[in-house]
Amino acid sequence: MLVEKKLGEFITLLGSYAPAPGGGAASALSGAQGMALIMMVANLTIGREAYKE
């Protein structure tokens, strides 16, 4: 399964002649990375005195 692949393996497969993974898997990875960054920012700001309104 693609979920069990390391990032380097996934990228190598993505650039190969293999029919999968394709654009959907690549966009899912990008979306997951974006959400992880949003979570990081939220965890760094929520509950901090400097960011209270």
Protein backbone atom coordinates (compact mmCIF):
# COMPACT_ATOMS: atom_id res chain seq x y z
CA MET A 1 0.00 0.00 0.00
CA LEU A 2 1.11 3.55 -0.66
CA VAL A 3 0.50 4.54 2.96
CA GLU A 4 3.28 2.19 4.05
CA LYS A 5 5.87 3.64 1.63
CA LYS A 6 8.60 6.01 2.73
CA LEU A 7 8.47 9.46 1.17
CA GLY A 8 11.50 8.81 -1.04
CA GLU A 9 9.98 5.57 -2.34
CA PHE A 10 6.71 7.35 -3.06
CA ILE A 11 8.44 10.11 -5.02
CA THR A 12 10.47 7.57 -6.98
CA LEU A 13 7.27 5.70 -7.88
CA LEU A 14 5.56 8.97 -8.77
CA GLY A 15 8.27 9.76 -11.30
CA SER A 16 8.33 6.28 -12.81
CA TYR A 17 6.37 4.67 -15.62
CA ALA A 18 4.11 2.93 -13.09
CA PRO A 19 0.41 3.79 -13.50
CA ALA A 20 0.03 4.41 -9.77
CA PRO A 21 0.59 6.55 -7.80
CA GLY A 22 -0.71 9.39 -9.89
CA GLY A 23 -1.99 12.90 -9.56
CA GLY A 24 -4.60 12.02 -6.96
CA ALA A 25 -2.06 10.50 -4.60
CA ALA A 26 0.31 13.42 -5.14
CA SER A 27 -2.41 15.96 -4.36
CA ALA A 28 -3.47 13.97 -1.28
CA LEU A 29 0.11 14.09 -0.01
CA SER A 30 0.27 17.84 -0.62
CA GLY A 31 -3.04 18.33 1.18
CA ALA A 32 -1.86 16.26 4.14
CA GLN A 33 1.34 18.30 4.36
CA GLY A 34 -0.66 21.52 4.26
CA MET A 35 -2.95 20.34 7.04
CA ALA A 36 0.05 19.28 9.13
CA LEU A 37 1.46 22.80 8.82
CA ILE A 38 -1.89 24.30 9.84
CA MET A 39 -1.93 22.03 12.89
CA MET A 40 1.63 23.07 13.76
CA VAL A 41 0.70 26.77 13.67
CA ALA A 42 -2.44 26.12 15.70
CA ASN A 43 -0.47 24.20 18.33
CA LEU A 44 2.08 27.00 18.55
CA THR A 45 -0.51 29.76 18.98
CA ILE A 46 -3.59 28.39 20.79
CA GLY A 47 -3.43 29.13 24.49
CA ARG A 48 -0.53 31.56 24.22
CA GLU A 49 -0.90 34.85 26.04
CA ALA A 50 0.53 36.85 23.13
CA TYR A 51 -2.24 35.65 20.80
CA LYS A 52 -5.24 36.26 23.06
CA GLU A 53 -7.71 38.82 21.81
